[in-house]
N, C-alpha and C. Protein backbone atom coordinates (compact mmCIF):
# COMPACT_ATOMS: atom_id res chain seq x y z
N MET A 1 0.85 -1.18 0.00
CA MET A 1 0.00 0.00 0.00
C MET A 1 0.89 1.24 0.00
N THR A 2 0.58 2.20 -0.86
CA THR A 2 1.36 3.43 -0.91
C THR A 2 0.97 4.34 0.25
N VAL A 3 1.82 5.31 0.55
CA VAL A 3 1.50 6.26 1.61
C VAL A 3 0.27 7.09 1.24
N GLU A 4 0.08 7.36 -0.06
CA GLU A 4 -1.10 8.10 -0.48
C GLU A 4 -2.38 7.30 -0.22
N SER A 5 -2.37 6.01 -0.54
CA SER A 5 -3.56 5.21 -0.28
C SER A 5 -3.77 5.01 1.22
N ALA A 6 -2.68 4.94 1.99
CA ALA A 6 -2.80 4.86 3.45
C ALA A 6 -3.43 6.13 4.01
N ALA A 7 -3.02 7.29 3.48
CA ALA A 7 -3.60 8.56 3.93
C ALA A 7 -5.08 8.64 3.57
N THR A 8 -5.44 8.14 2.40
CA THR A 8 -6.84 8.13 1.99
C THR A 8 -7.67 7.27 2.92
N ALA A 9 -7.18 6.08 3.23
CA ALA A 9 -7.89 5.19 4.15
C ALA A 9 -7.99 5.81 5.55
N ALA A 10 -6.90 6.43 6.00
CA ALA A 10 -6.92 7.10 7.30
C ALA A 10 -7.92 8.25 7.29
N SER A 11 -7.98 8.99 6.19
CA SER A 11 -8.91 10.10 6.07
C SER A 11 -10.35 9.64 6.24
N GLU A 12 -10.70 8.54 5.60
CA GLU A 12 -12.06 8.01 5.70
C GLU A 12 -12.39 7.62 7.14
N ALA A 13 -11.45 6.97 7.82
CA ALA A 13 -11.67 6.58 9.21
C ALA A 13 -11.78 7.80 10.12
N LEU A 14 -10.94 8.81 9.86
CA LEU A 14 -10.94 10.00 10.70
C LEU A 14 -12.17 10.87 10.49
N GLU A 15 -12.70 10.89 9.27
CA GLU A 15 -13.94 11.64 9.03
C GLU A 15 -15.06 11.10 9.91
N THR A 16 -15.10 9.79 10.08
CA THR A 16 -16.10 9.16 10.94
C THR A 16 -15.82 9.48 12.40
N GLU A 17 -14.56 9.37 12.82
CA GLU A 17 -14.17 9.55 14.23
C GLU A 17 -14.20 11.01 14.68
N ILE A 18 -13.68 11.91 13.86
CA ILE A 18 -13.48 13.30 14.26
C ILE A 18 -14.57 14.22 13.72
N GLY A 19 -15.13 13.88 12.58
CA GLY A 19 -16.22 14.67 12.01
C GLY A 19 -15.78 16.04 11.55
N ASP A 20 -16.55 17.06 11.93
CA ASP A 20 -16.30 18.43 11.47
C ASP A 20 -15.00 19.03 11.98
N ASP A 21 -14.38 18.43 12.97
CA ASP A 21 -13.11 18.94 13.48
C ASP A 21 -11.93 18.55 12.60
N LEU A 22 -12.14 17.63 11.66
CA LEU A 22 -11.08 17.25 10.73
C LEU A 22 -10.93 18.34 9.67
N LEU A 23 -9.74 18.90 9.57
CA LEU A 23 -9.49 19.99 8.63
C LEU A 23 -8.72 19.54 7.40
N ALA A 24 -7.76 18.64 7.56
CA ALA A 24 -6.97 18.21 6.42
C ALA A 24 -6.28 16.88 6.72
N VAL A 25 -6.09 16.10 5.67
CA VAL A 25 -5.30 14.88 5.75
C VAL A 25 -4.42 14.86 4.50
N GLY A 26 -3.16 14.59 4.71
CA GLY A 26 -2.24 14.53 3.59
C GLY A 26 -1.12 13.55 3.86
N TRP A 27 -0.20 13.50 2.94
CA TRP A 27 0.94 12.59 3.08
C TRP A 27 2.20 13.30 2.59
N TYR A 28 3.34 12.77 3.02
CA TYR A 28 4.62 13.25 2.51
C TYR A 28 5.50 12.04 2.21
N ASP A 29 6.36 12.20 1.24
CA ASP A 29 7.32 11.17 0.85
C ASP A 29 8.51 11.89 0.23
N SER A 30 9.62 11.93 0.95
CA SER A 30 10.78 12.69 0.48
C SER A 30 11.42 12.07 -0.77
N GLN A 31 11.04 10.84 -1.12
CA GLN A 31 11.60 10.17 -2.28
C GLN A 31 10.70 10.25 -3.52
N ALA A 32 9.53 10.87 -3.40
CA ALA A 32 8.56 10.89 -4.50
C ALA A 32 8.47 12.26 -5.15
N ASP A 33 7.78 12.30 -6.28
CA ASP A 33 7.47 13.55 -6.94
C ASP A 33 6.00 13.51 -7.33
N PRO A 34 5.12 14.26 -6.72
CA PRO A 34 5.39 15.31 -5.75
C PRO A 34 5.75 14.72 -4.38
N ARG A 35 6.39 15.53 -3.56
CA ARG A 35 6.81 15.08 -2.23
C ARG A 35 5.67 15.12 -1.22
N THR A 36 4.66 15.94 -1.47
CA THR A 36 3.52 16.05 -0.56
C THR A 36 2.24 16.21 -1.35
N ASP A 37 1.13 15.84 -0.73
CA ASP A 37 -0.17 16.09 -1.33
C ASP A 37 -1.25 15.89 -0.27
N SER A 38 -2.40 16.50 -0.50
CA SER A 38 -3.54 16.36 0.39
C SER A 38 -4.53 15.38 -0.21
N VAL A 39 -5.17 14.59 0.64
CA VAL A 39 -6.24 13.71 0.18
C VAL A 39 -7.59 14.20 0.70
N TYR A 40 -7.55 15.13 1.67
CA TYR A 40 -8.78 15.71 2.20
C TYR A 40 -8.49 17.13 2.69
N LEU A 41 -9.31 18.09 2.31
CA LEU A 41 -9.24 19.45 2.84
C LEU A 41 -10.67 19.90 3.14
N ALA A 42 -10.92 20.33 4.36
CA ALA A 42 -12.23 20.87 4.72
C ALA A 42 -12.47 22.17 3.96
N ASP A 43 -13.71 22.46 3.67
CA ASP A 43 -14.05 23.70 2.98
C ASP A 43 -13.43 24.89 3.69
N GLY A 44 -12.70 25.71 2.94
CA GLY A 44 -12.12 26.93 3.49
C GLY A 44 -10.77 26.76 4.15
N PHE A 45 -10.37 25.54 4.50
CA PHE A 45 -9.11 25.37 5.22
C PHE A 45 -7.91 25.65 4.33
N GLY A 46 -7.90 25.16 3.10
CA GLY A 46 -6.75 25.32 2.22
C GLY A 46 -6.69 26.67 1.53
N GLU A 47 -7.67 27.54 1.78
CA GLU A 47 -7.72 28.82 1.07
C GLU A 47 -6.77 29.86 1.63
N HIS A 48 -6.31 29.70 2.84
CA HIS A 48 -5.48 30.71 3.50
C HIS A 48 -4.00 30.33 3.40
N GLU A 49 -3.32 30.95 2.44
CA GLU A 49 -1.87 30.75 2.29
C GLU A 49 -1.51 29.26 2.17
N GLU A 50 -2.36 28.50 1.49
CA GLU A 50 -2.13 27.07 1.34
C GLU A 50 -1.85 26.42 2.69
N ALA A 51 -2.76 26.60 3.64
CA ALA A 51 -2.57 26.11 5.01
C ALA A 51 -2.21 24.63 5.05
N GLY A 52 -2.92 23.81 4.30
CA GLY A 52 -2.63 22.39 4.30
C GLY A 52 -1.25 22.08 3.77
N LYS A 53 -0.85 22.75 2.71
CA LYS A 53 0.46 22.51 2.10
C LYS A 53 1.58 22.89 3.06
N GLY A 54 1.41 23.96 3.83
CA GLY A 54 2.42 24.37 4.79
C GLY A 54 2.67 23.31 5.85
N ALA A 55 1.62 22.71 6.34
CA ALA A 55 1.76 21.65 7.34
C ALA A 55 2.46 20.44 6.74
N LEU A 56 2.14 20.12 5.49
CA LEU A 56 2.77 18.98 4.83
C LEU A 56 4.25 19.21 4.63
N GLU A 57 4.63 20.39 4.13
CA GLU A 57 6.04 20.70 3.91
C GLU A 57 6.82 20.72 5.23
N SER A 58 6.22 21.29 6.28
CA SER A 58 6.87 21.32 7.59
C SER A 58 7.10 19.91 8.10
N SER A 59 6.13 19.04 7.89
CA SER A 59 6.25 17.66 8.34
C SER A 59 7.34 16.92 7.58
N LEU A 60 7.42 17.18 6.28
CA LEU A 60 8.48 16.57 5.48
C LEU A 60 9.84 17.00 6.00
N LEU A 61 10.01 18.29 6.23
CA LEU A 61 11.30 18.78 6.74
C LEU A 61 11.58 18.23 8.12
N GLY A 62 10.57 18.18 8.98
CA GLY A 62 10.74 17.65 10.33
C GLY A 62 11.14 16.18 10.32
N SER A 63 10.62 15.43 9.36
CA SER A 63 10.93 14.00 9.31
C SER A 63 12.39 13.76 8.97
N LEU A 64 12.99 14.67 8.24
CA LEU A 64 14.38 14.48 7.84
C LEU A 64 15.33 14.51 9.03
N GLY A 65 14.95 15.20 10.11
CA GLY A 65 15.79 15.28 11.29
C GLY A 65 15.31 14.41 12.45
N SER A 66 14.31 13.57 12.21
CA SER A 66 13.73 12.80 13.31
C SER A 66 14.68 11.75 13.87
N GLY A 67 15.69 11.37 13.10
CA GLY A 67 16.66 10.39 13.59
C GLY A 67 17.39 10.87 14.82
N ALA A 68 17.59 12.17 14.94
CA ALA A 68 18.27 12.71 16.12
C ALA A 68 17.46 12.44 17.39
N TYR A 69 16.14 12.56 17.29
CA TYR A 69 15.29 12.29 18.45
C TYR A 69 15.32 10.82 18.82
N THR A 70 15.37 9.96 17.82
CA THR A 70 15.46 8.53 18.07
C THR A 70 16.75 8.21 18.83
N ASP A 71 17.85 8.84 18.42
CA ASP A 71 19.12 8.62 19.09
C ASP A 71 19.09 9.13 20.54
N ILE A 72 18.50 10.28 20.75
CA ILE A 72 18.46 10.87 22.09
C ILE A 72 17.67 10.02 23.06
N HIS A 73 16.50 9.55 22.62
CA HIS A 73 15.59 8.84 23.51
C HIS A 73 15.74 7.32 23.44
N GLY A 74 16.44 6.83 22.43
CA GLY A 74 16.60 5.39 22.29
C GLY A 74 15.32 4.68 21.89
N GLU A 75 14.36 5.41 21.34
CA GLU A 75 13.09 4.84 20.91
C GLU A 75 12.70 5.46 19.58
N GLU A 76 11.83 4.77 18.85
CA GLU A 76 11.33 5.30 17.59
C GLU A 76 10.35 6.44 17.84
N LEU A 77 10.43 7.47 17.03
CA LEU A 77 9.47 8.56 17.06
C LEU A 77 8.21 8.09 16.35
N THR A 78 7.07 8.04 17.06
CA THR A 78 5.85 7.52 16.47
C THR A 78 4.86 8.60 16.07
N THR A 79 4.93 9.76 16.71
CA THR A 79 3.98 10.83 16.42
C THR A 79 4.57 12.17 16.84
N THR A 80 4.30 13.19 16.03
CA THR A 80 4.66 14.56 16.40
C THR A 80 3.37 15.38 16.37
N VAL A 81 3.18 16.21 17.39
CA VAL A 81 1.99 17.06 17.45
C VAL A 81 2.44 18.50 17.61
N ARG A 82 1.92 19.38 16.76
CA ARG A 82 2.14 20.82 16.89
C ARG A 82 0.80 21.43 17.25
N VAL A 83 0.75 22.10 18.38
CA VAL A 83 -0.51 22.67 18.85
C VAL A 83 -0.45 24.19 18.72
N TYR A 84 -1.42 24.73 17.99
CA TYR A 84 -1.56 26.17 17.80
C TYR A 84 -2.75 26.63 18.63
N GLU A 85 -3.21 27.82 18.45
CA GLU A 85 -4.32 28.32 19.26
C GLU A 85 -5.61 27.55 19.02
N THR A 86 -5.94 27.28 17.78
CA THR A 86 -7.21 26.61 17.47
C THR A 86 -7.06 25.37 16.63
N VAL A 87 -5.83 25.04 16.22
CA VAL A 87 -5.58 23.92 15.32
C VAL A 87 -4.39 23.12 15.84
N ALA A 88 -4.41 21.81 15.59
CA ALA A 88 -3.26 20.95 15.87
C ALA A 88 -2.93 20.16 14.61
N ASP A 89 -1.63 20.02 14.35
CA ASP A 89 -1.14 19.15 13.28
C ASP A 89 -0.60 17.89 13.94
N VAL A 90 -1.05 16.73 13.47
CA VAL A 90 -0.58 15.45 13.98
C VAL A 90 0.13 14.75 12.83
N VAL A 91 1.39 14.37 13.06
CA VAL A 91 2.20 13.72 12.03
C VAL A 91 2.56 12.32 12.50
N VAL A 92 2.22 11.33 11.67
CA VAL A 92 2.54 9.94 11.98
C VAL A 92 3.44 9.40 10.88
N PRO A 93 4.75 9.26 11.17
CA PRO A 93 5.65 8.69 10.16
C PRO A 93 5.29 7.22 9.92
N THR A 94 5.29 6.80 8.67
CA THR A 94 5.05 5.39 8.37
C THR A 94 6.36 4.66 8.08
N ASN A 95 7.41 5.42 7.79
CA ASN A 95 8.78 4.90 7.71
C ASN A 95 9.72 6.11 7.75
N ASP A 96 10.97 5.93 7.41
CA ASP A 96 11.95 7.02 7.53
C ASP A 96 11.71 8.19 6.58
N THR A 97 11.02 7.96 5.47
CA THR A 97 10.85 9.01 4.48
C THR A 97 9.40 9.36 4.18
N GLN A 98 8.46 8.65 4.80
CA GLN A 98 7.04 8.85 4.49
C GLN A 98 6.22 9.01 5.76
N GLY A 99 5.06 9.64 5.60
CA GLY A 99 4.15 9.75 6.73
C GLY A 99 2.83 10.38 6.36
N ILE A 100 1.95 10.38 7.32
CA ILE A 100 0.61 10.94 7.18
C ILE A 100 0.50 12.15 8.09
N VAL A 101 -0.11 13.20 7.58
CA VAL A 101 -0.28 14.45 8.33
C VAL A 101 -1.77 14.75 8.43
N VAL A 102 -2.21 15.09 9.64
CA VAL A 102 -3.61 15.42 9.86
C VAL A 102 -3.68 16.75 10.59
N ALA A 103 -4.56 17.63 10.12
CA ALA A 103 -4.83 18.90 10.82
C ALA A 103 -6.24 18.83 11.37
N VAL A 104 -6.38 19.17 12.64
CA VAL A 104 -7.68 19.12 13.30
C VAL A 104 -7.95 20.42 14.05
N ARG A 105 -9.22 20.74 14.16
CA ARG A 105 -9.65 21.90 14.94
C ARG A 105 -9.69 21.49 16.40
N LEU A 106 -9.11 22.32 17.25
CA LEU A 106 -9.17 22.09 18.69
C LEU A 106 -10.42 22.79 19.22
N ASN A 107 -11.38 22.02 19.67
CA ASN A 107 -12.61 22.63 20.17
C ASN A 107 -12.84 22.35 21.64
N GLY A 108 -11.91 21.69 22.30
CA GLY A 108 -12.02 21.46 23.73
C GLY A 108 -12.92 20.30 24.11
N SER A 109 -13.54 19.65 23.11
CA SER A 109 -14.48 18.59 23.45
C SER A 109 -13.81 17.22 23.60
N ARG A 110 -12.56 17.11 23.19
CA ARG A 110 -11.88 15.83 23.36
C ARG A 110 -10.45 16.09 23.81
N PRO A 111 -9.96 15.30 24.72
CA PRO A 111 -8.56 15.47 25.15
C PRO A 111 -7.61 15.25 23.98
N LEU A 112 -6.53 16.01 23.95
CA LEU A 112 -5.55 15.92 22.87
C LEU A 112 -4.97 14.51 22.77
N GLU A 113 -4.76 13.86 23.90
CA GLU A 113 -4.21 12.50 23.86
C GLU A 113 -5.13 11.55 23.12
N ARG A 114 -6.43 11.67 23.33
CA ARG A 114 -7.40 10.82 22.64
C ARG A 114 -7.36 11.10 21.13
N LEU A 115 -7.23 12.36 20.77
CA LEU A 115 -7.15 12.74 19.37
C LEU A 115 -5.91 12.14 18.71
N VAL A 116 -4.77 12.27 19.37
CA VAL A 116 -3.52 11.73 18.83
C VAL A 116 -3.64 10.21 18.67
N GLU A 117 -4.18 9.55 19.67
CA GLU A 117 -4.32 8.10 19.59
C GLU A 117 -5.23 7.69 18.44
N GLY A 118 -6.29 8.46 18.22
CA GLY A 118 -7.18 8.16 17.09
C GLY A 118 -6.47 8.28 15.76
N VAL A 119 -5.63 9.29 15.61
CA VAL A 119 -4.87 9.47 14.37
C VAL A 119 -3.88 8.31 14.21
N ARG A 120 -3.20 7.95 15.28
CA ARG A 120 -2.21 6.87 15.21
C ARG A 120 -2.87 5.55 14.84
N ILE A 121 -4.01 5.26 15.44
CA ILE A 121 -4.72 4.00 15.14
C ILE A 121 -5.15 3.99 13.68
N ALA A 122 -5.70 5.10 13.20
CA ALA A 122 -6.14 5.16 11.79
C ALA A 122 -4.96 4.98 10.84
N ALA A 123 -3.84 5.63 11.14
CA ALA A 123 -2.67 5.51 10.26
C ALA A 123 -2.11 4.11 10.28
N LYS A 124 -2.01 3.52 11.46
CA LYS A 124 -1.45 2.18 11.60
C LYS A 124 -2.33 1.14 10.90
N ALA A 125 -3.63 1.28 11.03
CA ALA A 125 -4.55 0.32 10.44
C ALA A 125 -4.53 0.38 8.92
N SER A 126 -4.11 1.51 8.38
CA SER A 126 -4.17 1.68 6.93
C SER A 126 -2.83 1.49 6.24
N THR A 127 -1.78 1.13 6.98
CA THR A 127 -0.49 0.94 6.32
C THR A 127 -0.12 -0.54 6.28
């Protein structure tokens, strides 16, 4: 299964789990062309300075240095979360060069840990 098809499957599962709080789902692959793409964008989310694309590119760049964190902690990096005022980006690497990126609206109705776990389960089930 490609990372794009894994992101699509994760998107479908997350739409059911997260509903209207799901803003974007995409993938990155530093070895592919294109290196990033979205499989889901909520209405209006991608209109502001390519919001979804920015999260994807940041995740791609972040993945390139993730080996340093693995060395420091002696464990694999399984998820990265960036929390902003009203939005969180959740990145789940599927291998050293690929991963799934999800942007969600923070509305206070679910603990962040539960949200992260939902994204991880969806990504893992689809790879």
